[in-house]
């Protein structure tokens, strides 16, 4: 009977050892999967942070472009104003030159010969 008990005890111990080994192996796999998941989560967080950073930079650049576009519109309006002023001044110069020419012609007709 003792031999049967001993044989049965050894069978239970061997079976338990195999279960412990399998259990340890599964636990190792679980730990590896958790570590891999943690690493993937960290990579995902980094990617999200980078996306947020790039989005912020994009918004800053878009704002700068809008500002520069507004400045360009103002500059173009100023250039157009200056062109109009130049055209007006050119017309004034031409009118003044015509008046001068007419005045010089009139002066010649009113000169008293000596």
PDB file of N, CA and C in Angstrom:
ATOM      1  N   UNK A   1       0.805  -1.163   0.000  1.00  0.00           N
ATOM      2  CA  UNK A   1       0.000   0.000   0.000  1.00  0.00           C
ATOM      3  C   UNK A   1       0.869   1.255   0.000  1.00  0.00           C
ATOM      4  N   UNK A   2       1.907   1.118   0.703  1.00  0.00           N
ATOM      5  CA  UNK A   2       2.815   2.228   0.753  1.00  0.00           C
ATOM      6  C   UNK A   2       3.392   2.511  -0.625  1.00  0.00           C
ATOM      7  N   UNK A   3       3.650   1.492  -1.366  1.00  0.00           N
ATOM      8  CA  UNK A   3       4.192   1.649  -2.714  1.00  0.00           C
ATOM      9  C   UNK A   3       3.149   2.328  -3.599  1.00  0.00           C
ATOM     10  N   UNK A   4       1.911   1.962  -3.437  1.00  0.00           N
ATOM     11  CA  UNK A   4       0.860   2.580  -4.245  1.00  0.00           C
ATOM     12  C   UNK A   4       0.743   4.062  -3.896  1.00  0.00           C
ATOM     13  N   UNK A   5       0.792   4.333  -2.596  1.00  0.00           N
ATOM     14  CA  UNK A   5       0.703   5.715  -2.151  1.00  0.00           C
ATOM     15  C   UNK A   5       1.880   6.524  -2.671  1.00  0.00           C
ATOM     16  N   UNK A   6       3.060   5.929  -2.610  1.00  0.00           N
ATOM     17  CA  UNK A   6       4.259   6.579  -3.089  1.00  0.00           C
ATOM     18  C   UNK A   6       4.181   6.781  -4.602  1.00  0.00           C
ATOM     19  N   UNK A   7       3.713   5.768  -5.315  1.00  0.00           N
ATOM     20  CA  UNK A   7       3.582   5.873  -6.766  1.00  0.00           C
ATOM     21  C   UNK A   7       2.559   6.940  -7.126  1.00  0.00           C
ATOM     22  N   UNK A   8       1.457   6.945  -6.404  1.00  0.00           N
ATOM     23  CA  UNK A   8       0.413   7.937  -6.652  1.00  0.00           C
ATOM     24  C   UNK A   8       0.916   9.339  -6.315  1.00  0.00           C
ATOM     25  N   UNK A   9       1.641   9.475  -5.227  1.00  0.00           N
ATOM     26  CA  UNK A   9       2.207  10.772  -4.837  1.00  0.00           C
ATOM     27  C   UNK A   9       3.195  11.258  -5.889  1.00  0.00           C
ATOM     28  N   UNK A  10       4.050  10.353  -6.377  1.00  0.00           N
ATOM     29  CA  UNK A  10       5.011  10.735  -7.422  1.00  0.00           C
ATOM     30  C   UNK A  10       4.289  11.156  -8.696  1.00  0.00           C
ATOM     31  N   UNK A  11       3.229  10.454  -9.029  1.00  0.00           N
ATOM     32  CA  UNK A  11       2.457  10.793 -10.233  1.00  0.00           C
ATOM     33  C   UNK A  11       1.848  12.190 -10.077  1.00  0.00           C
ATOM     34  N   UNK A  12       1.310  12.497  -8.933  1.00  0.00           N
ATOM     35  CA  UNK A  12       0.716  13.811  -8.677  1.00  0.00           C
ATOM     36  C   UNK A  12       1.788  14.892  -8.728  1.00  0.00           C
ATOM     37  N   UNK A  13       2.951  14.629  -8.129  1.00  0.00           N
ATOM     38  CA  UNK A  13       4.044  15.618  -8.119  1.00  0.00           C
ATOM     39  C   UNK A  13       4.540  15.876  -9.531  1.00  0.00           C
ATOM     40  N   UNK A  14       4.716  14.786 -10.311  1.00  0.00           N
ATOM     41  CA  UNK A  14       5.178  14.942 -11.693  1.00  0.00           C
ATOM     42  C   UNK A  14       4.152  15.729 -12.485  1.00  0.00           C
ATOM     43  N   UNK A  15       2.882  15.404 -12.309  1.00  0.00           N
ATOM     44  CA  UNK A  15       1.823  16.126 -13.020  1.00  0.00           C
ATOM     45  C   UNK A  15       1.809  17.593 -12.605  1.00  0.00           C
ATOM     46  N   UNK A  16       1.931  17.866 -11.328  1.00  0.00           N
ATOM     47  CA  UNK A  16       1.934  19.244 -10.826  1.00  0.00           C
ATOM     48  C   UNK A  16       3.150  19.992 -11.355  1.00  0.00           C
ATOM     49  N   UNK A  17       4.271  19.341 -11.453  1.00  0.00           N
ATOM     50  CA  UNK A  17       5.483  19.972 -11.970  1.00  0.00           C
ATOM     51  C   UNK A  17       5.292  20.362 -13.429  1.00  0.00           C
ATOM     52  N   UNK A  18       4.636  19.479 -14.182  1.00  0.00           N
ATOM     53  CA  UNK A  18       4.375  19.800 -15.590  1.00  0.00           C
ATOM     54  C   UNK A  18       3.413  20.976 -15.685  1.00  0.00           C
ATOM     55  N   UNK A  19       2.390  20.993 -14.839  1.00  0.00           N
ATOM     56  CA  UNK A  19       1.439  22.103 -14.839  1.00  0.00           C
ATOM     57  C   UNK A  19       2.151  23.387 -14.452  1.00  0.00           C
ATOM     58  N   UNK A  20       3.036  23.306 -13.471  1.00  0.00           N
ATOM     59  CA  UNK A  20       3.782  24.495 -13.061  1.00  0.00           C
ATOM     60  C   UNK A  20       4.670  24.983 -14.184  1.00  0.00           C
ATOM     61  N   UNK A  21       5.292  24.052 -14.907  1.00  0.00           N
ATOM     62  CA  UNK A  21       6.150  24.426 -16.020  1.00  0.00           C
ATOM     63  C   UNK A  21       5.317  25.083 -17.107  1.00  0.00           C
ATOM     64  N   UNK A  22       4.188  24.456 -17.428  1.00  0.00           N
ATOM     65  CA  UNK A  22       3.306  25.028 -18.448  1.00  0.00           C
ATOM     66  C   UNK A  22       2.783  26.366 -17.964  1.00  0.00           C
ATOM     67  N   UNK A  23       2.413  26.424 -16.707  1.00  0.00           N
ATOM     68  CA  UNK A  23       1.905  27.663 -16.135  1.00  0.00           C
ATOM     69  C   UNK A  23       2.979  28.748 -16.163  1.00  0.00           C
ATOM     70  N   UNK A  24       4.199  28.388 -15.818  1.00  0.00           N
ATOM     71  CA  UNK A  24       5.307  29.342 -15.842  1.00  0.00           C
ATOM     72  C   UNK A  24       5.570  29.789 -17.272  1.00  0.00           C
ATOM     73  N   UNK A  25       5.502  28.856 -18.204  1.00  0.00           N
ATOM     74  CA  UNK A  25       5.724  29.188 -19.605  1.00  0.00           C
ATOM     75  C   UNK A  25       4.650  30.154 -20.088  1.00  0.00           C
ATOM     76  N   UNK A  26       3.392  29.884 -19.718  1.00  0.00           N
ATOM     77  CA  UNK A  26       2.302  30.773 -20.120  1.00  0.00           C
ATOM     78  C   UNK A  26       2.436  32.126 -19.433  1.00  0.00           C
ATOM     79  N   UNK A  27       2.883  32.109 -18.196  1.00  0.00           N
ATOM     80  CA  UNK A  27       3.066  33.357 -17.479  1.00  0.00           C
ATOM     81  C   UNK A  27       4.176  34.180 -18.137  1.00  0.00           C
ATOM     82  N   UNK A  28       5.235  33.511 -18.567  1.00  0.00           N
ATOM     83  CA  UNK A  28       6.316  34.194 -19.275  1.00  0.00           C
ATOM     84  C   UNK A  28       5.794  34.813 -20.566  1.00  0.00           C
ATOM     85  N   UNK A  29       5.007  34.034 -21.304  1.00  0.00           N
ATOM     86  CA  UNK A  29       4.429  34.538 -22.555  1.00  0.00           C
ATOM     87  C   UNK A  29       3.534  35.741 -22.274  1.00  0.00           C
ATOM     88  N   UNK A  30       2.743  35.640 -21.208  1.00  0.00           N
ATOM     89  CA  UNK A  30       1.868  36.747 -20.839  1.00  0.00           C
ATOM     90  C   UNK A  30       2.685  37.989 -20.507  1.00  0.00           C
ATOM     91  N   UNK A  31       3.773  37.817 -19.759  1.00  0.00           N
ATOM     92  CA  UNK A  31       4.628  38.944 -19.418  1.00  0.00           C
ATOM     93  C   UNK A  31       5.259  39.548 -20.672  1.00  0.00           C
ATOM     94  N   UNK A  32       5.676  38.675 -21.588  1.00  0.00           N
ATOM     95  CA  UNK A  32       6.260  39.167 -22.838  1.00  0.00           C
ATOM     96  C   UNK A  32       5.214  39.929 -23.644  1.00  0.00           C
ATOM     97  N   UNK A  33       4.013  39.404 -23.693  1.00  0.00           N
ATOM     98  CA  UNK A  33       2.945  40.089 -24.427  1.00  0.00           C
ATOM     99  C   UNK A  33       2.615  41.423 -23.770  1.00  0.00           C
ATOM    100  N   UNK A  34       2.599  41.440 -22.437  1.00  0.00           N
ATOM    101  CA  UNK A  34       2.326  42.699 -21.739  1.00  0.00           C
ATOM    102  C   UNK A  34       3.443  43.714 -21.991  1.00  0.00           C
ATOM    103  N   UNK A  35       4.671  43.231 -22.014  1.00  0.00           N
ATOM    104  CA  UNK A  35       5.808  44.120 -22.287  1.00  0.00           C
ATOM    105  C   UNK A  35       5.712  44.652 -23.714  1.00  0.00           C
ATOM    106  N   UNK A  36       5.365  43.765 -24.655  1.00  0.00           N
ATOM    107  CA  UNK A  36       5.224  44.188 -26.047  1.00  0.00           C
ATOM    108  C   UNK A  36       4.077  45.188 -26.179  1.00  0.00           C
ATOM    109  N   UNK A  37       2.995  44.928 -25.459  1.00  0.00           N
ATOM    110  CA  UNK A  37       1.858  45.837 -25.496  1.00  0.00           C
ATOM    111  C   UNK A  37       2.231  47.193 -24.899  1.00  0.00           C
ATOM    112  N   UNK A  38       2.984  47.192 -23.821  1.00  0.00           N
ATOM    113  CA  UNK A  38       3.427  48.444 -23.193  1.00  0.00           C
ATOM    114  C   UNK A  38       4.322  49.226 -24.155  1.00  0.00           C
ATOM    115  N   UNK A  39       5.209  48.518 -24.844  1.00  0.00           N
ATOM    116  CA  UNK A  39       6.099  49.174 -25.803  1.00  0.00           C
ATOM    117  C   UNK A  39       5.292  49.759 -26.962  1.00  0.00           C
ATOM    118  N   UNK A  40       4.335  48.984 -27.453  1.00  0.00           N
ATOM    119  CA  UNK A  40       3.487  49.459 -28.547  1.00  0.00           C
ATOM    120  C   UNK A  40       2.676  50.670 -28.091  1.00  0.00           C
ATOM    121  N   UNK A  41       2.185  50.617 -26.858  1.00  0.00           N
ATOM    122  CA  UNK A  41       1.434  51.749 -26.308  1.00  0.00           C
ATOM    123  C   UNK A  41       2.310  52.989 -26.225  1.00  0.00           C
ATOM    124  N   UNK A  42       3.540  52.803 -25.792  1.00  0.00           N
ATOM    125  CA  UNK A  42       4.477  53.929 -25.703  1.00  0.00           C
ATOM    126  C   UNK A  42       4.755  54.507 -27.093  1.00  0.00           C
ATOM    127  N   UNK A  43       4.939  53.630 -28.072  1.00  0.00           N
ATOM    128  CA  UNK A  43       5.176  54.088 -29.444  1.00  0.00           C
ATOM    129  C   UNK A  43       3.959  54.847 -29.971  1.00  0.00           C
ATOM    130  N   UNK A  44       2.770  54.343 -29.651  1.00  0.00           N
ATOM    131  CA  UNK A  44       1.545  55.015 -30.073  1.00  0.00           C
ATOM    132  C   UNK A  44       1.436  56.391 -29.421  1.00  0.00           C
ATOM    133  N   UNK A  45       1.744  56.479 -28.146  1.00  0.00           N
ATOM    134  CA  UNK A  45       1.717  57.767 -27.441  1.00  0.00           C
ATOM    135  C   UNK A  45       2.712  58.741 -28.060  1.00  0.00           C
ATOM    136  N   UNK A  46       3.907  58.238 -28.390  1.00  0.00           N
ATOM    137  CA  UNK A  46       4.917  59.087 -29.037  1.00  0.00           C
ATOM    138  C   UNK A  46       4.428  59.573 -30.392  1.00  0.00           C
ATOM    139  N   UNK A  47       3.810  58.669 -31.145  1.00  0.00           N
ATOM    140  CA  UNK A  47       3.293  59.046 -32.466  1.00  0.00           C
ATOM    141  C   UNK A  47       2.197  60.099 -32.331  1.00  0.00           C
ATOM    142  N   UNK A  48       1.313  59.921 -31.342  1.00  0.00           N
ATOM    143  CA  UNK A  48       0.251  60.911 -31.122  1.00  0.00           C
ATOM    144  C   UNK A  48       0.834  62.255 -30.722  1.00  0.00           C
ATOM    145  N   UNK A  49       1.848  62.242 -29.877  1.00  0.00           N
ATOM    146  CA  UNK A  49       2.493  63.487 -29.468  1.00  0.00           C
ATOM    147  C   UNK A  49       3.143  64.175 -30.668  1.00  0.00           C
ATOM    148  N   UNK A  50       3.771  63.390 -31.516  1.00  0.00           N
ATOM    149  CA  UNK A  50       4.403  63.955 -32.715  1.00  0.00           C
ATOM    150  C   UNK A  50       3.349  64.534 -33.652  1.00  0.00           C
ATOM    151  N   UNK A  51       2.227  63.839 -33.787  1.00  0.00           N
ATOM    152  CA  UNK A  51       1.131  64.346 -34.630  1.00  0.00           C
ATOM    153  C   UNK A  51       0.617  65.666 -34.069  1.00  0.00           C
ATOM    154  N   UNK A  52       0.440  65.739 -32.750  1.00  0.00           N
ATOM    155  CA  UNK A  52      -0.012  66.981 -32.123  1.00  0.00           C
ATOM    156  C   UNK A  52       0.986  68.102 -32.356  1.00  0.00           C
ATOM    157  N   UNK A  53       2.279  67.788 -32.239  1.00  0.00           N
ATOM    158  CA  UNK A  53       3.323  68.782 -32.462  1.00  0.00           C
ATOM    159  C   UNK A  53       3.291  69.283 -33.905  1.00  0.00           C
ATOM    160  N   UNK A  54       3.164  68.353 -34.835  1.00  0.00           N
ATOM    161  CA  UNK A  54       3.111  68.734 -36.249  1.00  0.00           C
ATOM    162  C   UNK A  54       1.849  69.549 -36.554  1.00  0.00           C
ATOM    163  N   UNK A  55       0.747  69.205 -35.918  1.00  0.00           N
ATOM    164  CA  UNK A  55      -0.501  69.951 -36.102  1.00  0.00           C
ATOM    165  C   UNK A  55      -0.343  71.379 -35.591  1.00  0.00           C
ATOM    166  N   UNK A  56       0.331  71.526 -34.445  1.00  0.00           N
ATOM    167  CA  UNK A  56       0.584  72.858 -33.895  1.00  0.00           C
ATOM    168  C   UNK A  56       1.463  73.670 -34.840  1.00  0.00           C
ATOM    169  N   UNK A  57       2.518  73.036 -35.345  1.00  0.00           N
ATOM    170  CA  UNK A  57       3.405  73.731 -36.287  1.00  0.00           C
ATOM    171  C   UNK A  57       2.652  74.119 -37.559  1.00  0.00           C
ATOM    172  N   UNK A  58       1.793  73.218 -38.036  1.00  0.00           N
ATOM    173  CA  UNK A  58       0.998  73.496 -39.238  1.00  0.00           C
ATOM    174  C   UNK A  58       0.110  74.717 -39.001  1.00  0.00           C
ATOM    175  N   UNK A  59      -0.524  74.777 -37.835  1.00  0.00           N
ATOM    176  CA  UNK A  59      -1.395  75.907 -37.515  1.00  0.00           C
ATOM    177  C   UNK A  59      -0.606  77.203 -37.423  1.00  0.00           C
ATOM    178  N   UNK A  60       0.607  77.142 -36.862  1.00  0.00           N
ATOM    179  CA  UNK A  60       1.454  78.331 -36.786  1.00  0.00           C
ATOM    180  C   UNK A  60       1.825  78.811 -38.181  1.00  0.00           C
ATOM    181  N   UNK A  61       2.216  77.875 -39.032  1.00  0.00           N
ATOM    182  CA  UNK A  61       2.621  78.233 -40.392  1.00  0.00           C
ATOM    183  C   UNK A  61       1.431  78.780 -41.168  1.00  0.00           C
ATOM    184  N   UNK A  62       0.265  78.160 -40.975  1.00  0.00           N
ATOM    185  CA  UNK A  62      -0.939  78.650 -41.646  1.00  0.00           C
ATOM    186  C   UNK A  62      -1.243  80.075 -41.196  1.00  0.00           C
ATOM    187  N   UNK A  63      -1.085  80.353 -39.921  1.00  0.00           N
ATOM    188  CA  UNK A  63      -1.284  81.710 -39.408  1.00  0.00           C
ATOM    189  C   UNK A  63      -0.293  82.691 -40.017  1.00  0.00           C
ATOM    190  N   UNK A  64       0.959  82.277 -40.121  1.00  0.00           N
ATOM    191  CA  UNK A  64       1.976  83.141 -40.731  1.00  0.00           C
ATOM    192  C   UNK A  64       1.648  83.410 -42.199  1.00  0.00           C
ATOM    193  N   UNK A  65       1.192  82.376 -42.888  1.00  0.00           N
ATOM    194  CA  UNK A  65       0.817  82.545 -44.302  1.00  0.00           C
ATOM    195  C   UNK A  65      -0.340  83.534 -44.420  1.00  0.00           C
ATOM    196  N   UNK A  66      -1.330  83.406 -43.540  1.00  0.00           N
ATOM    197  CA  UNK A  66      -2.461  84.334 -43.558  1.00  0.00           C
ATOM    198  C   UNK A  66      -1.994  85.768 -43.312  1.00  0.00           C
ATOM    199  N   UNK A  67      -1.088  85.944 -42.334  1.00  0.00           N
ATOM    200  CA  UNK A  67      -0.552  87.278 -42.058  1.00  0.00           C
ATOM    201  C   UNK A  67       0.195  87.843 -43.265  1.00  0.00           C
ATOM    202  N   UNK A  68       1.030  87.009 -43.862  1.00  0.00           N
ATOM    203  CA  UNK A  68       1.789  87.456 -45.033  1.00  0.00           C
ATOM    204  C   UNK A  68       0.859  87.766 -46.209  1.00  0.00           C
ATOM    205  N   UNK A  69      -0.181  86.985 -46.352  1.00  0.00           N
ATOM    206  CA  UNK A  69      -1.154  87.222 -47.417  1.00  0.00           C
ATOM    207  C   UNK A  69      -1.841  88.577 -47.208  1.00  0.00           C
ATOM    208  N   UNK A  70      -2.202  88.868 -45.963  1.00  0.00           N
ATOM    209  CA  UNK A  70      -2.828  90.157 -45.656  1.00  0.00           C
ATOM    210  C   UNK A  70      -1.852  91.305 -45.938  1.00  0.00           C
ATOM    211  N   UNK A  71      -0.596  91.114 -45.572  1.00  0.00           N
ATOM    212  CA  UNK A  71       0.418  92.141 -45.853  1.00  0.00           C
ATOM    213  C   UNK A  71       0.588  92.341 -47.351  1.00  0.00           C
ATOM    214  N   UNK A  72       0.537  91.252 -48.099  1.00  0.00           N
ATOM    215  CA  UNK A  72       0.667  91.335 -49.555  1.00  0.00           C
ATOM    216  C   UNK A  72      -0.487  92.130 -50.151  1.00  0.00           C
ATOM    217  N   UNK A  73      -1.694  91.911 -49.655  1.00  0.00           N
ATOM    218  CA  UNK A  73      -2.850  92.648 -50.151  1.00  0.00           C
ATOM    219  C   UNK A  73      -2.674  94.143 -49.883  1.00  0.00           C
ATOM    220  N   UNK A  74      -2.217  94.480 -48.672  1.00  0.00           N
ATOM    221  CA  UNK A  74      -1.998  95.887 -48.320  1.00  0.00           C
ATOM    222  C   UNK A  74      -0.907  96.489 -49.208  1.00  0.00           C
ATOM    223  N   UNK A  75       0.161  95.737 -49.425  1.00  0.00           N
ATOM    224  CA  UNK A  75       1.262  96.224 -50.270  1.00  0.00           C
ATOM    225  C   UNK A  75       0.799  96.432 -51.705  1.00  0.00           C
ATOM    226  N   UNK A  76       0.014  95.487 -52.205  1.00  0.00           N
ATOM    227  CA  UNK A  76      -0.490  95.626 -53.583  1.00  0.00           C
ATOM    228  C   UNK A  76      -1.409  96.844 -53.704  1.00  0.00           C
ATOM    229  N   UNK A  77      -2.224  97.095 -52.688  1.00  0.00           N
ATOM    230  CA  UNK A  77      -3.096  98.274 -52.701  1.00  0.00           C
ATOM    231  C   UNK A  77      -2.246  99.547 -52.678  1.00  0.00           C
ATOM    232  N   UNK A  78      -1.177  99.542 -51.873  1.00  0.00           N
ATOM    233  CA  UNK A  78      -0.286 100.701 -51.816  1.00  0.00           C
ATOM    234  C   UNK A  78       0.390 100.945 -53.160  1.00  0.00           C
ATOM    235  N   UNK A  79       0.829  99.876 -53.789  1.00  0.00           N
ATOM    236  CA  UNK A  79       1.468 100.001 -55.110  1.00  0.00           C
ATOM    237  C   UNK A  79       0.466 100.574 -56.111  1.00  0.00           C
ATOM    238  N   UNK A  80      -0.766 100.107 -56.071  1.00  0.00           N
ATOM    239  CA  UNK A  80      -1.798 100.611 -56.982  1.00  0.00           C
ATOM    240  C   UNK A  80      -2.054 102.089 -56.723  1.00  0.00           C
ATOM    241  N   UNK A  81      -2.104 102.480 -55.436  1.00  0.00           N
ATOM    242  CA  UNK A  81      -2.272 103.902 -55.092  1.00  0.00           C
ATOM    243  C   UNK A  81      -1.121 104.734 -55.636  1.00  0.00           C
ATOM    244  N   UNK A  82       0.096 104.218 -55.440  1.00  0.00           N
ATOM    245  CA  UNK A  82       1.266 104.948 -55.935  1.00  0.00           C
ATOM    246  C   UNK A  82       1.246 105.078 -57.455  1.00  0.00           C
ATOM    247  N   UNK A  83       0.811 104.035 -58.139  1.00  0.00           N
ATOM    248  CA  UNK A  83       0.703 104.111 -59.608  1.00  0.00           C
ATOM    249  C   UNK A  83      -0.283 105.199 -60.007  1.00  0.00           C
ATOM    250  N   UNK A  84      -1.417 105.249 -59.307  1.00  0.00           N
ATOM    251  CA  UNK A  84      -2.417 106.286 -59.616  1.00  0.00           C
ATOM    252  C   UNK A  84      -1.872 107.677 -59.338  1.00  0.00           C
ATOM    253  N   UNK A  85      -1.168 107.834 -58.207  1.00  0.00           N
ATOM    254  CA  UNK A  85      -0.579 109.134 -57.881  1.00  0.00           C
ATOM    255  C   UNK A  85       0.465 109.531 -58.918  1.00  0.00           C
ATOM    256  N   UNK A  86       1.259 108.567 -59.367  1.00  0.00           N
ATOM    257  CA  UNK A  86       2.275 108.851 -60.399  1.00  0.00           C
ATOM    258  C   UNK A  86       1.595 109.291 -61.686  1.00  0.00           C
ATOM    259  N   UNK A  87       0.524 108.592 -62.047  1.00  0.00           N
ATOM    260  CA  UNK A  87      -0.204 108.961 -63.270  1.00  0.00           C
ATOM    261  C   UNK A  87      -0.775 110.375 -63.149  1.00  0.00           C
ATOM    262  N   UNK A  88      -1.316 110.710 -61.968  1.00  0.00           N
ATOM    263  CA  UNK A  88      -1.856 112.057 -61.759  1.00  0.00           C
ATOM    264  C   UNK A  88      -0.747 113.107 -61.854  1.00  0.00           C
ATOM    265  N   UNK A  89       0.379 112.817 -61.211  1.00  0.00           N
ATOM    266  CA  UNK A  89       1.505 113.762 -61.243  1.00  0.00           C
ATOM    267  C   UNK A  89       2.037 113.915 -62.673  1.00  0.00           C
ATOM    268  N   UNK A  90       2.045 112.812 -63.421  1.00  0.00           N
ATOM    269  CA  UNK A  90       2.506 112.876 -64.808  1.00  0.00           C
ATOM    270  C   UNK A  90       1.574 113.783 -65.624  1.00  0.00           C
ATOM    271  N   UNK A  91       0.281 113.646 -65.371  1.00  0.00           N
ATOM    272  CA  UNK A  91      -0.695 114.502 -66.059  1.00  0.00           C
ATOM    273  C   UNK A  91      -0.489 115.957 -65.659  1.00  0.00           C
ATOM    274  N   UNK A  92      -0.254 116.195 -64.360  1.00  0.00           N
ATOM    275  CA  UNK A  92       0.003 117.562 -63.897  1.00  0.00           C
ATOM    276  C   UNK A  92       1.259 118.129 -64.549  1.00  0.00           C
ATOM    277  N   UNK A  93       2.285 117.318 -64.654  1.00  0.00           N
ATOM    278  CA  UNK A  93       3.537 117.765 -65.286  1.00  0.00           C
ATOM    279  C   UNK A  93       3.288 118.119 -66.747  1.00  0.00           C
ATOM    280  N   UNK A  94       2.553 117.274 -67.451  1.00  0.00           N
ATOM    281  CA  UNK A  94       2.256 117.538 -68.864  1.00  0.00           C
ATOM    282  C   UNK A  94       1.444 118.828 -69.007  1.00  0.00           C
ATOM    283  N   UNK A  95       0.435 119.003 -68.110  1.00  0.00           N
ATOM    284  CA  UNK A  95      -0.368 120.234 -68.161  1.00  0.00           C
ATOM    285  C   UNK A  95       0.498 121.460 -67.883  1.00  0.00           C
ATOM    286  N   UNK A  96       1.369 121.344 -66.868  1.00  0.00           N
ATOM    287  CA  UNK A  96       2.244 122.465 -66.527  1.00  0.00           C
ATOM    288  C   UNK A  96       3.206 122.773 -67.666  1.00  0.00           C
ATOM    289  N   UNK A  97       3.746 121.736 -68.321  1.00  0.00           N
ATOM    290  CA  UNK A  97       4.643 121.958 -69.453  1.00  0.00           C
ATOM    291  C   UNK A  97       3.896 122.636 -70.603  1.00  0.00           C
ATOM    292  N   UNK A  98       2.642 122.254 -70.834  1.00  0.00           N
ATOM    293  CA  UNK A  98       1.849 122.875 -71.903  1.00  0.00           C
ATOM    294  C   UNK A  98       1.607 124.333 -71.564  1.00  0.00           C
ATOM    295  N   UNK A  99       1.252 124.593 -70.299  1.00  0.00           N
ATOM    296  CA  UNK A  99       1.023 125.982 -69.877  1.00  0.00           C
ATOM    297  C   UNK A  99       2.298 126.801 -70.023  1.00  0.00           C
ATOM    298  N   UNK A 100       3.432 126.208 -69.663  1.00  0.00           N
ATOM    299  CA  UNK A 100       4.707 126.897 -69.794  1.00  0.00           C
ATOM    300  C   UNK A 100       4.990 127.193 -71.254  1.00  0.00           C
ATOM    301  N   UNK A 101       4.763 126.206 -72.096  1.00  0.00           N
ATOM    302  CA  UNK A 101       5.005 126.393 -73.530  1.00  0.00           C
ATOM    303  C   UNK A 101       4.099 127.478 -74.089  1.00  0.00           C
ATOM    304  N   UNK A 102       2.825 127.467 -73.693  1.00  0.00           N
ATOM    305  CA  UNK A 102       1.892 128.504 -74.143  1.00  0.00           C
ATOM    306  C   UNK A 102       2.314 129.869 -73.625  1.00  0.00           C
ATOM    307  N   UNK A 103       2.731 129.907 -72.359  1.00  0.00           N
ATOM    308  CA  UNK A 103       3.154 131.187 -71.775  1.00  0.00           C
ATOM    309  C   UNK A 103       4.392 131.709 -72.485  1.00  0.00           C
ATOM    310  N   UNK A 104       5.318 130.825 -72.831  1.00  0.00           N
ATOM    311  CA  UNK A 104       6.521 131.257 -73.548  1.00  0.00           C
ATOM    312  C   UNK A 104       6.154 131.755 -74.939  1.00  0.00           C
ATOM    313  N   UNK A 105       5.185 131.106 -75.571  1.00  0.00           N
ATOM    314  CA  UNK A 105       4.750 131.547 -76.896  1.00  0.00           C
ATOM    315  C   UNK A 105       4.073 132.909 -76.798  1.00  0.00           C
ATOM    316  N   UNK A 106       3.234 133.060 -75.770  1.00  0.00           N
ATOM    317  CA  UNK A 106       2.561 134.361 -75.582  1.00  0.00           C
ATOM    318  C   UNK A 106       3.578 135.442 -75.267  1.00  0.00           C
ATOM    319  N   UNK A 107       4.588 135.086 -74.492  1.00  0.00           N
ATOM    320  CA  UNK A 107       5.616 136.058 -74.129  1.00  0.00           C
ATOM    321  C   UNK A 107       6.330 136.556 -75.374  1.00  0.00           C
ATOM    322  N   UNK A 108       6.592 135.665 -76.323  1.00  0.00           N
ATOM    323  CA  UNK A 108       7.277 136.057 -77.545  1.00  0.00           C
ATOM    324  C   UNK A 108       6.395 137.022 -78.354  1.00  0.00           C
ATOM    325  N   UNK A 109       5.091 136.805 -78.339  1.00  0.00           N
ATOM    326  CA  UNK A 109       4.217 137.676 -79.132  1.00  0.00           C
ATOM    327  C   UNK A 109       4.063 139.043 -78.473  1.00  0.00           C
ATOM    328  N   UNK A 110       4.201 139.126 -77.183  1.00  0.00           N
ATOM    329  CA  UNK A 110       4.053 140.393 -76.489  1.00  0.00           C
ATOM    330  C   UNK A 110       5.368 141.140 -76.311  1.00  0.00           C
ATOM    331  N   UNK A 111       6.446 140.526 -76.740  1.00  0.00           N
ATOM    332  CA  UNK A 111       7.740 141.227 -76.602  1.00  0.00           C
ATOM    333  C   UNK A 111       7.794 142.414 -77.541  1.00  0.00           C
ATOM    334  N   UNK A 112       8.318 143.457 -77.028  1.00  0.00           N
ATOM    335  CA  UNK A 112       8.491 144.661 -77.837  1.00  0.00           C
ATOM    336  C   UNK A 112       9.876 144.597 -78.461  1.00  0.00           C
ATOM    337  N   UNK A 113       9.923 144.668 -79.774  1.00  0.00           N
ATOM    338  CA  UNK A 113      11.233 144.617 -80.413  1.00  0.00           C
ATOM    339  C   UNK A 113      12.018 145.901 -80.097  1.00  0.00           C
ATOM    340  N   UNK A 114      13.205 145.789 -79.895  1.00  0.00           N
ATOM    341  CA  UNK A 114      14.042 146.959 -79.590  1.00  0.00           C
ATOM    342  C   UNK A 114      14.784 147.444 -80.749  1.00  0.00           C
TER     343      UNK A 114
END
